[in-house]
Amino acid sequence: MSEILLTRARALKFYGMIEHWAEVCDTPWIRQIIEWEEQARSYRSLERRLTQARLGHFKPLAEFDWSWPKACDREAIEELMELTFLATATNVILCGPNGVGKSTIACNLGHQAALHGHTVLFTTASEMLSDLASCDGDQALKRRFKYYEQPRFLIIDELGYLSYGNRHADLLFEIISRRHQSKSTLITTNKSFNEWGSIFPSAACVVSMIDRLVHRSEIILIEAESFRLKEANERTLLQKKQRAGRKHSKGLMNNLGDKEEKA
């Protein structure tokens, strides 16, 4: 048991304690101190990963309305939540129209990965490509490439909502190539692969880019009307009911007041 504690102390780099291990190894407080430090470091590490992930606010997958989409492979998404795809550097492509929950699913996967000790980065396609394109000089560009290359799980949201030039296509191709077969990348898009030419008109690397993405990937199609439109309609209906209820209550109060005056 003392050897196990010593191994844990070495992992924590408690060099002073290790130097005097023979003097302190049998004291009852050693185990507690090591456990406290392990817990504190684990918590700080999780906080750091979540901050660096930049996931922002998102709806938990437990609140996802699976009955709304016309087509959505729930079993495949729940299997992705087990994170086995990270071990094989499998990419994930979530494809569907606007507002169907692609970003929600992506953020939940990112959060799950961070909770389990993986480095995660969430970015939109426009933010990442603008960042890379604005780099002044080769060294600055190399640093930003490294920034997007390093995370175990990179999430690129909203690819297909804007069109980009050849320079942006080359930058995205470079990111995908650097991560190919070593780290997982998730992309949400509202365009099927045969429409990616409209995202990067005349870019020569589009076919190669798609080839690297799908070489080892899980592609999930979502068919549904917009969740945001659905929720907006539900809010409007609720507000109408609330207004009608207030109007009815006001009418009852007025009638009661009239009866009291006549009495």
C-alpha atoms as a PDB file:
ATOM      1  CA  MET A   1       0.000   0.000   0.000  1.00  0.00           C
ATOM      2  CA  SER A   2       2.873   2.357   0.811  1.00  0.00           C
ATOM      3  CA  GLU A   3       4.352   1.713  -2.651  1.00  0.00           C
ATOM      4  CA  ILE A   4       1.043   2.667  -4.284  1.00  0.00           C
ATOM      5  CA  LEU A   5       0.930   5.916  -2.309  1.00  0.00           C
ATOM      6  CA  LEU A   6       4.549   6.605  -3.253  1.00  0.00           C
ATOM      7  CA  THR A   7       3.711   6.140  -6.933  1.00  0.00           C
ATOM      8  CA  ARG A   8       0.812   8.598  -6.581  1.00  0.00           C
ATOM      9  CA  ALA A   9       3.060  11.092  -4.761  1.00  0.00           C
ATOM     10  CA  ARG A  10       5.580  10.855  -7.603  1.00  0.00           C
ATOM     11  CA  ALA A  11       2.821  11.469 -10.146  1.00  0.00           C
ATOM     12  CA  LEU A  12       1.919  14.624  -8.206  1.00  0.00           C
ATOM     13  CA  LYS A  13       5.613  15.612  -8.073  1.00  0.00           C
ATOM     14  CA  PHE A  14       5.625  15.953  -4.289  1.00  0.00           C
ATOM     15  CA  TYR A  15       9.423  15.943  -4.297  1.00  0.00           C
ATOM     16  CA  GLY A  16       9.876  17.123  -0.696  1.00  0.00           C
ATOM     17  CA  MET A  17       7.506  14.446   0.568  1.00  0.00           C
ATOM     18  CA  ILE A  18       9.217  11.793  -1.551  1.00  0.00           C
ATOM     19  CA  GLU A  19      12.630  12.781  -0.184  1.00  0.00           C
ATOM     20  CA  HIS A  20      11.365  12.176   3.363  1.00  0.00           C
ATOM     21  CA  TRP A  21       9.102   9.248   2.447  1.00  0.00           C
ATOM     22  CA  ALA A  22      10.539   6.844   5.037  1.00  0.00           C
ATOM     23  CA  GLU A  23       9.669   9.352   7.758  1.00  0.00           C
ATOM     24  CA  VAL A  24       6.089  10.046   6.685  1.00  0.00           C
ATOM     25  CA  CYS A  25       4.834   6.979   4.793  1.00  0.00           C
ATOM     26  CA  ASP A  26       3.149   5.443   7.845  1.00  0.00           C
ATOM     27  CA  THR A  27       1.433   8.617   9.057  1.00  0.00           C
ATOM     28  CA  PRO A  28      -2.390   8.577   8.787  1.00  0.00           C
ATOM     29  CA  TRP A  29      -2.616  11.939   6.975  1.00  0.00           C
ATOM     30  CA  ILE A  30      -0.509  11.032   3.927  1.00  0.00           C
ATOM     31  CA  ARG A  31      -3.331   9.285   2.060  1.00  0.00           C
ATOM     32  CA  GLN A  32      -5.750  12.180   2.720  1.00  0.00           C
ATOM     33  CA  ILE A  33      -3.316  14.826   1.475  1.00  0.00           C
ATOM     34  CA  ILE A  34      -2.631  12.871  -1.707  1.00  0.00           C
ATOM     35  CA  GLU A  35      -6.352  12.353  -2.333  1.00  0.00           C
ATOM     36  CA  TRP A  36      -7.121  16.045  -1.741  1.00  0.00           C
ATOM     37  CA  GLU A  37      -4.417  17.112  -4.177  1.00  0.00           C
ATOM     38  CA  GLU A  38      -5.520  14.588  -6.824  1.00  0.00           C
ATOM     39  CA  GLN A  39      -9.118  15.791  -6.570  1.00  0.00           C
ATOM     40  CA  ALA A  40      -8.130  19.463  -6.713  1.00  0.00           C
ATOM     41  CA  ARG A  41      -5.914  18.947  -9.744  1.00  0.00           C
ATOM     42  CA  SER A  42      -8.561  16.871 -11.496  1.00  0.00           C
ATOM     43  CA  TYR A  43     -11.138  19.614 -10.939  1.00  0.00           C
ATOM     44  CA  ARG A  44      -8.790  22.373 -12.152  1.00  0.00           C
ATOM     45  CA  SER A  45      -7.883  20.297 -15.191  1.00  0.00           C
ATOM     46  CA  LEU A  46     -11.568  19.825 -16.051  1.00  0.00           C
ATOM     47  CA  GLU A  47     -12.244  23.545 -15.612  1.00  0.00           C
ATOM     48  CA  ARG A  48      -9.333  24.351 -17.910  1.00  0.00           C
ATOM     49  CA  ARG A  49     -10.488  21.892 -20.593  1.00  0.00           C
ATOM     50  CA  LEU A  50     -14.050  23.243 -20.533  1.00  0.00           C
ATOM     51  CA  THR A  51     -12.810  26.832 -20.765  1.00  0.00           C
ATOM     52  CA  GLN A  52     -10.470  26.014 -23.646  1.00  0.00           C
ATOM     53  CA  ALA A  53     -13.212  24.055 -25.442  1.00  0.00           C
ATOM     54  CA  ARG A  54     -15.258  27.272 -25.907  1.00  0.00           C
ATOM     55  CA  LEU A  55     -18.526  25.353 -26.137  1.00  0.00           C
ATOM     56  CA  GLY A  56     -20.678  28.178 -24.787  1.00  0.00           C
ATOM     57  CA  HIS A  57     -24.291  27.615 -23.759  1.00  0.00           C
ATOM     58  CA  PHE A  58     -26.102  24.626 -25.250  1.00  0.00           C
ATOM     59  CA  LYS A  59     -29.125  22.437 -24.569  1.00  0.00           C
ATOM     60  CA  PRO A  60     -28.342  19.072 -22.895  1.00  0.00           C
ATOM     61  CA  LEU A  61     -28.957  16.059 -25.110  1.00  0.00           C
ATOM     62  CA  ALA A  62     -31.402  14.789 -22.461  1.00  0.00           C
ATOM     63  CA  GLU A  63     -33.729  17.634 -23.539  1.00  0.00           C
ATOM     64  CA  PHE A  64     -33.404  16.880 -27.266  1.00  0.00           C
ATOM     65  CA  ASP A  65     -36.803  16.198 -28.849  1.00  0.00           C
ATOM     66  CA  TRP A  66     -36.134  12.962 -30.724  1.00  0.00           C
ATOM     67  CA  SER A  67     -39.747  12.788 -31.917  1.00  0.00           C
ATOM     68  CA  TRP A  68     -39.397  15.962 -34.001  1.00  0.00           C
ATOM     69  CA  PRO A  69     -36.920  14.968 -36.777  1.00  0.00           C
ATOM     70  CA  LYS A  70     -38.309  13.034 -39.715  1.00  0.00           C
ATOM     71  CA  ALA A  71     -35.005  11.177 -39.876  1.00  0.00           C
ATOM     72  CA  CYS A  72     -32.234  11.053 -37.279  1.00  0.00           C
ATOM     73  CA  ASP A  73     -30.183   8.048 -36.215  1.00  0.00           C
ATOM     74  CA  ARG A  74     -30.576   8.349 -32.437  1.00  0.00           C
ATOM     75  CA  GLU A  75     -28.761   5.069 -31.817  1.00  0.00           C
ATOM     76  CA  ALA A  76     -25.707   6.262 -33.764  1.00  0.00           C
ATOM     77  CA  ILE A  77     -25.611   9.565 -31.865  1.00  0.00           C
ATOM     78  CA  GLU A  78     -25.933   7.856 -28.483  1.00  0.00           C
ATOM     79  CA  GLU A  79     -23.126   5.494 -29.508  1.00  0.00           C
ATOM     80  CA  LEU A  80     -20.969   8.507 -30.376  1.00  0.00           C
ATOM     81  CA  MET A  81     -21.558   9.773 -26.835  1.00  0.00           C
ATOM     82  CA  GLU A  82     -19.537   6.763 -25.646  1.00  0.00           C
ATOM     83  CA  LEU A  83     -16.527   8.453 -27.364  1.00  0.00           C
ATOM     84  CA  THR A  84     -15.067   5.288 -28.882  1.00  0.00           C
ATOM     85  CA  PHE A  85     -14.653   7.191 -32.163  1.00  0.00           C
ATOM     86  CA  LEU A  86     -11.874   9.259 -30.572  1.00  0.00           C
ATOM     87  CA  ALA A  87      -9.724   6.177 -30.062  1.00  0.00           C
ATOM     88  CA  THR A  88      -9.750   5.458 -33.804  1.00  0.00           C
ATOM     89  CA  ALA A  89      -9.500   9.126 -34.908  1.00  0.00           C
ATOM     90  CA  THR A  90     -12.847   8.784 -36.662  1.00  0.00           C
ATOM     91  CA  ASN A  91     -14.396  11.966 -38.039  1.00  0.00           C
ATOM     92  CA  VAL A  92     -18.063  12.869 -37.582  1.00  0.00           C
ATOM     93  CA  ILE A  93     -20.156  14.709 -40.169  1.00  0.00           C
ATOM     94  CA  LEU A  94     -23.567  16.023 -39.084  1.00  0.00           C
ATOM     95  CA  CYS A  95     -25.526  17.052 -42.162  1.00  0.00           C
ATOM     96  CA  GLY A  96     -28.945  18.668 -42.255  1.00  0.00           C
ATOM     97  CA  PRO A  97     -30.835  21.932 -42.818  1.00  0.00           C
ATOM     98  CA  ASN A  98     -30.663  24.922 -40.511  1.00  0.00           C
ATOM     99  CA  GLY A  99     -31.983  24.653 -36.966  1.00  0.00           C
ATOM    100  CA  VAL A 100     -32.326  20.864 -36.662  1.00  0.00           C
ATOM    101  CA  GLY A 101     -29.987  20.380 -33.688  1.00  0.00           C
ATOM    102  CA  LYS A 102     -26.600  19.745 -35.329  1.00  0.00           C
ATOM    103  CA  SER A 103     -24.785  22.243 -33.107  1.00  0.00           C
ATOM    104  CA  THR A 104     -26.572  20.931 -30.007  1.00  0.00           C
ATOM    105  CA  ILE A 105     -25.399  17.389 -30.725  1.00  0.00           C
ATOM    106  CA  ALA A 106     -21.873  18.616 -31.504  1.00  0.00           C
ATOM    107  CA  CYS A 107     -21.630  20.597 -28.248  1.00  0.00           C
ATOM    108  CA  ASN A 108     -22.878  17.640 -26.214  1.00  0.00           C
ATOM    109  CA  LEU A 109     -20.227  15.413 -27.787  1.00  0.00           C
ATOM    110  CA  GLY A 110     -17.583  18.048 -27.056  1.00  0.00           C
ATOM    111  CA  HIS A 111     -18.715  18.392 -23.447  1.00  0.00           C
ATOM    112  CA  GLN A 112     -18.700  14.628 -22.962  1.00  0.00           C
ATOM    113  CA  ALA A 113     -15.187  14.412 -24.396  1.00  0.00           C
ATOM    114  CA  ALA A 114     -13.923  17.181 -22.085  1.00  0.00           C
ATOM    115  CA  LEU A 115     -15.475  15.476 -19.063  1.00  0.00           C
ATOM    116  CA  HIS A 116     -13.544  12.320 -19.941  1.00  0.00           C
ATOM    117  CA  GLY A 117     -10.178  14.047 -20.104  1.00  0.00           C
ATOM    118  CA  HIS A 118      -9.892  14.891 -23.807  1.00  0.00           C
ATOM    119  CA  THR A 119      -8.886  18.279 -25.175  1.00  0.00           C
ATOM    120  CA  VAL A 120     -11.672  19.865 -27.213  1.00  0.00           C
ATOM    121  CA  LEU A 121     -12.053  22.999 -29.330  1.00  0.00           C
ATOM    122  CA  PHE A 122     -15.312  24.336 -30.741  1.00  0.00           C
ATOM    123  CA  THR A 123     -15.225  26.924 -33.524  1.00  0.00           C
ATOM    124  CA  THR A 124     -17.353  28.021 -36.429  1.00  0.00           C
ATOM    125  CA  ALA A 125     -15.994  27.553 -39.945  1.00  0.00           C
ATOM    126  CA  SER A 126     -16.096  31.305 -40.602  1.00  0.00           C
ATOM    127  CA  GLU A 127     -14.285  32.119 -37.335  1.00  0.00           C
ATOM    128  CA  MET A 128     -11.516  29.574 -37.922  1.00  0.00           C
ATOM    129  CA  LEU A 129     -10.944  30.421 -41.587  1.00  0.00           C
ATOM    130  CA  SER A 130     -10.977  34.170 -40.929  1.00  0.00           C
ATOM    131  CA  ASP A 131      -8.494  33.638 -38.099  1.00  0.00           C
ATOM    132  CA  LEU A 132      -6.134  31.647 -40.306  1.00  0.00           C
ATOM    133  CA  ALA A 133      -6.478  33.967 -43.294  1.00  0.00           C
ATOM    134  CA  SER A 134      -5.649  37.013 -41.179  1.00  0.00           C
ATOM    135  CA  CYS A 135      -2.282  35.642 -40.025  1.00  0.00           C
ATOM    136  CA  ASP A 136       0.590  37.957 -40.882  1.00  0.00           C
ATOM    137  CA  GLY A 137       3.578  35.861 -41.900  1.00  0.00           C
ATOM    138  CA  ASP A 138       4.509  32.191 -41.979  1.00  0.00           C
ATOM    139  CA  GLN A 139       5.370  31.895 -38.291  1.00  0.00           C
ATOM    140  CA  ALA A 140       2.029  33.327 -37.182  1.00  0.00           C
ATOM    141  CA  LEU A 141       0.220  30.949 -39.531  1.00  0.00           C
ATOM    142  CA  LYS A 142       2.192  27.967 -38.197  1.00  0.00           C
ATOM    143  CA  ARG A 143       1.166  28.874 -34.638  1.00  0.00           C
ATOM    144  CA  ARG A 144      -2.513  29.060 -35.591  1.00  0.00           C
ATOM    145  CA  PHE A 145      -2.308  25.791 -37.525  1.00  0.00           C
ATOM    146  CA  LYS A 146      -0.884  24.203 -34.370  1.00  0.00           C
ATOM    147  CA  TYR A 147      -3.714  25.697 -32.301  1.00  0.00           C
ATOM    148  CA  TYR A 148      -6.346  23.943 -34.433  1.00  0.00           C
ATOM    149  CA  GLU A 149      -4.270  20.812 -34.961  1.00  0.00           C
ATOM    150  CA  GLN A 150      -3.567  20.029 -31.298  1.00  0.00           C
ATOM    151  CA  PRO A 151      -7.004  19.289 -29.725  1.00  0.00           C
ATOM    152  CA  ARG A 152      -7.979  15.630 -29.600  1.00  0.00           C
ATOM    153  CA  PHE A 153     -11.450  16.657 -30.780  1.00  0.00           C
ATOM    154  CA  LEU A 154     -11.988  19.654 -33.090  1.00  0.00           C
ATOM    155  CA  ILE A 155     -15.565  20.779 -33.797  1.00  0.00           C
ATOM    156  CA  ILE A 156     -16.098  22.983 -36.868  1.00  0.00           C
ATOM    157  CA  ASP A 157     -19.636  24.337 -36.888  1.00  0.00           C
ATOM    158  CA  GLU A 158     -21.732  25.867 -39.679  1.00  0.00           C
ATOM    159  CA  LEU A 159     -19.741  24.908 -42.758  1.00  0.00           C
ATOM    160  CA  GLY A 160     -21.847  25.775 -45.789  1.00  0.00           C
ATOM    161  CA  TYR A 161     -23.604  28.893 -44.564  1.00  0.00           C
ATOM    162  CA  LEU A 162     -21.095  31.136 -46.387  1.00  0.00           C
ATOM    163  CA  SER A 163     -19.022  30.832 -49.542  1.00  0.00           C
ATOM    164  CA  TYR A 164     -15.228  31.084 -49.400  1.00  0.00           C
ATOM    165  CA  GLY A 165     -12.370  31.713 -51.779  1.00  0.00           C
ATOM    166  CA  ASN A 166      -9.589  29.388 -52.801  1.00  0.00           C
ATOM    167  CA  ARG A 167      -7.323  30.646 -50.012  1.00  0.00           C
ATOM    168  CA  HIS A 168      -9.871  29.609 -47.362  1.00  0.00           C
ATOM    169  CA  ALA A 169     -10.361  26.228 -49.050  1.00  0.00           C
ATOM    170  CA  ASP A 170      -6.600  25.602 -48.924  1.00  0.00           C
ATOM    171  CA  LEU A 171      -6.494  26.548 -45.227  1.00  0.00           C
ATOM    172  CA  LEU A 172      -9.318  24.141 -44.326  1.00  0.00           C
ATOM    173  CA  PHE A 173      -7.710  21.420 -46.407  1.00  0.00           C
ATOM    174  CA  GLU A 174      -4.466  21.933 -44.464  1.00  0.00           C
ATOM    175  CA  ILE A 175      -6.236  21.594 -41.103  1.00  0.00           C
ATOM    176  CA  ILE A 176      -8.026  18.427 -42.195  1.00  0.00           C
ATOM    177  CA  SER A 177      -4.810  16.964 -43.644  1.00  0.00           C
ATOM    178  CA  ARG A 178      -2.837  17.680 -40.458  1.00  0.00           C
ATOM    179  CA  ARG A 179      -5.446  15.919 -38.345  1.00  0.00           C
ATOM    180  CA  HIS A 180      -6.135  13.079 -40.789  1.00  0.00           C
ATOM    181  CA  GLN A 181      -5.882   9.608 -39.167  1.00  0.00           C
ATOM    182  CA  SER A 182      -4.503  11.001 -35.899  1.00  0.00           C
ATOM    183  CA  LYS A 183      -7.306  13.096 -34.337  1.00  0.00           C
ATOM    184  CA  SER A 184     -11.070  13.362 -34.707  1.00  0.00           C
ATOM    185  CA  THR A 185     -12.797  16.290 -36.395  1.00  0.00           C
ATOM    186  CA  LEU A 186     -16.536  16.944 -36.325  1.00  0.00           C
ATOM    187  CA  ILE A 187     -18.137  19.140 -38.981  1.00  0.00           C
ATOM    188  CA  THR A 188     -21.724  20.357 -39.039  1.00  0.00           C
ATOM    189  CA  THR A 189     -22.964  21.377 -42.460  1.00  0.00           C
ATOM    190  CA  ASN A 190     -26.196  22.181 -44.264  1.00  0.00           C
ATOM    191  CA  LYS A 191     -24.756  21.024 -47.577  1.00  0.00           C
ATOM    192  CA  SER A 192     -24.345  17.509 -48.921  1.00  0.00           C
ATOM    193  CA  PHE A 193     -20.867  16.653 -50.210  1.00  0.00           C
ATOM    194  CA  ASN A 194     -21.882  17.108 -53.841  1.00  0.00           C
ATOM    195  CA  GLU A 195     -22.800  20.714 -52.939  1.00  0.00           C
ATOM    196  CA  TRP A 196     -19.466  21.572 -51.335  1.00  0.00           C
ATOM    197  CA  GLY A 197     -18.346  23.052 -54.631  1.00  0.00           C
ATOM    198  CA  SER A 198     -20.726  25.936 -53.903  1.00  0.00           C
ATOM    199  CA  ILE A 199     -18.990  26.547 -50.556  1.00  0.00           C
ATOM    200  CA  PHE A 200     -15.572  26.763 -52.233  1.00  0.00           C
ATOM    201  CA  PRO A 201     -16.256  27.733 -55.854  1.00  0.00           C
ATOM    202  CA  SER A 202     -13.436  26.753 -58.223  1.00  0.00           C
ATOM    203  CA  ALA A 203     -11.206  25.444 -55.389  1.00  0.00           C
ATOM    204  CA  ALA A 204      -9.101  22.546 -56.668  1.00  0.00           C
ATOM    205  CA  CYS A 205      -8.740  20.839 -53.277  1.00  0.00           C
ATOM    206  CA  VAL A 206     -12.441  20.186 -52.510  1.00  0.00           C
ATOM    207  CA  VAL A 207     -12.454  16.580 -53.762  1.00  0.00           C
ATOM    208  CA  SER A 208      -9.270  15.748 -51.826  1.00  0.00           C
ATOM    209  CA  MET A 209     -10.662  17.465 -48.739  1.00  0.00           C
ATOM    210  CA  ILE A 210     -13.837  15.363 -48.831  1.00  0.00           C
ATOM    211  CA  ASP A 211     -11.807  12.225 -49.517  1.00  0.00           C
ATOM    212  CA  ARG A 212      -9.761  12.725 -46.331  1.00  0.00           C
ATOM    213  CA  LEU A 213     -12.829  13.518 -44.250  1.00  0.00           C
ATOM    214  CA  VAL A 214     -14.856  10.483 -45.286  1.00  0.00           C
ATOM    215  CA  HIS A 215     -11.905   8.056 -45.314  1.00  0.00           C
ATOM    216  CA  ARG A 216     -12.657   7.239 -41.686  1.00  0.00           C
ATOM    217  CA  SER A 217     -15.899   8.895 -40.679  1.00  0.00           C
ATOM    218  CA  GLU A 218     -19.396   8.584 -39.262  1.00  0.00           C
ATOM    219  CA  ILE A 219     -21.905  10.508 -41.396  1.00  0.00           C
ATOM    220  CA  ILE A 220     -25.272  11.290 -39.806  1.00  0.00           C
ATOM    221  CA  LEU A 221     -28.094  12.899 -41.784  1.00  0.00           C
ATOM    222  CA  ILE A 222     -30.823  14.811 -39.955  1.00  0.00           C
ATOM    223  CA  GLU A 223     -34.094  15.611 -41.710  1.00  0.00           C
ATOM    224  CA  ALA A 224     -36.439  17.942 -39.841  1.00  0.00           C
ATOM    225  CA  GLU A 225     -38.124  21.299 -39.823  1.00  0.00           C
ATOM    226  CA  SER A 226     -36.268  23.923 -37.812  1.00  0.00           C
ATOM    227  CA  PHE A 227     -36.360  23.378 -34.036  1.00  0.00           C
ATOM    228  CA  ARG A 228     -36.002  27.128 -33.599  1.00  0.00           C
ATOM    229  CA  LEU A 229     -39.077  27.773 -35.760  1.00  0.00           C
ATOM    230  CA  LYS A 230     -40.957  25.070 -33.859  1.00  0.00           C
ATOM    231  CA  GLU A 231     -40.022  26.608 -30.497  1.00  0.00           C
ATOM    232  CA  ALA A 232     -40.910  30.099 -31.751  1.00  0.00           C
ATOM    233  CA  ASN A 233     -44.358  28.882 -32.815  1.00  0.00           C
ATOM    234  CA  GLU A 234     -44.845  27.170 -29.449  1.00  0.00           C
ATOM    235  CA  ARG A 235     -43.883  30.385 -27.615  1.00  0.00           C
ATOM    236  CA  THR A 236     -46.298  32.394 -29.746  1.00  0.00           C
ATOM    237  CA  LEU A 237     -49.118  29.958 -29.000  1.00  0.00           C
ATOM    238  CA  LEU A 238     -48.311  30.025 -25.263  1.00  0.00           C
ATOM    239  CA  GLN A 239     -48.277  33.832 -25.249  1.00  0.00           C
ATOM    240  CA  LYS A 240     -51.682  33.913 -26.963  1.00  0.00           C
ATOM    241  CA  LYS A 241     -53.099  31.564 -24.344  1.00  0.00           C
ATOM    242  CA  GLN A 242     -51.611  33.651 -21.532  1.00  0.00           C
ATOM    243  CA  ARG A 243     -53.042  36.851 -23.004  1.00  0.00           C
ATOM    244  CA  ALA A 244     -56.449  35.214 -23.408  1.00  0.00           C
ATOM    245  CA  GLY A 245     -56.276  34.004 -19.804  1.00  0.00           C
ATOM    246  CA  ARG A 246     -55.410  37.469 -18.527  1.00  0.00           C
ATOM    247  CA  LYS A 247     -58.208  38.992 -20.603  1.00  0.00           C
ATOM    248  CA  HIS A 248     -60.678  36.453 -19.236  1.00  0.00           C
ATOM    249  CA  SER A 249     -59.552  37.107 -15.638  1.00  0.00           C
ATOM    250  CA  LYS A 250     -59.842  40.850 -16.162  1.00  0.00           C
ATOM    251  CA  GLY A 251     -63.355  40.389 -17.548  1.00  0.00           C
ATOM    252  CA  LEU A 252     -64.390  38.356 -14.495  1.00  0.00           C
ATOM    253  CA  MET A 253     -63.008  41.010 -12.145  1.00  0.00           C
ATOM    254  CA  ASN A 254     -64.868  43.754 -14.002  1.00  0.00           C
ATOM    255  CA  ASN A 255     -68.126  41.789 -13.832  1.00  0.00           C
ATOM    256  CA  LEU A 256     -67.618  41.200 -10.114  1.00  0.00           C
ATOM    257  CA  GLY A 257     -67.018  44.936  -9.585  1.00  0.00           C
ATOM    258  CA  ASP A 258     -70.203  45.831 -11.477  1.00  0.00           C
ATOM    259  CA  LYS A 259     -72.267  43.444  -9.358  1.00  0.00           C
ATOM    260  CA  GLU A 260     -70.828  44.904  -6.150  1.00  0.00           C
ATOM    261  CA  GLU A 261     -71.704  48.449  -7.253  1.00  0.00           C
ATOM    262  CA  LYS A 262     -75.283  47.474  -8.068  1.00  0.00           C
ATOM    263  CA  ALA A 263     -75.610  45.747  -4.705  1.00  0.00           C
END
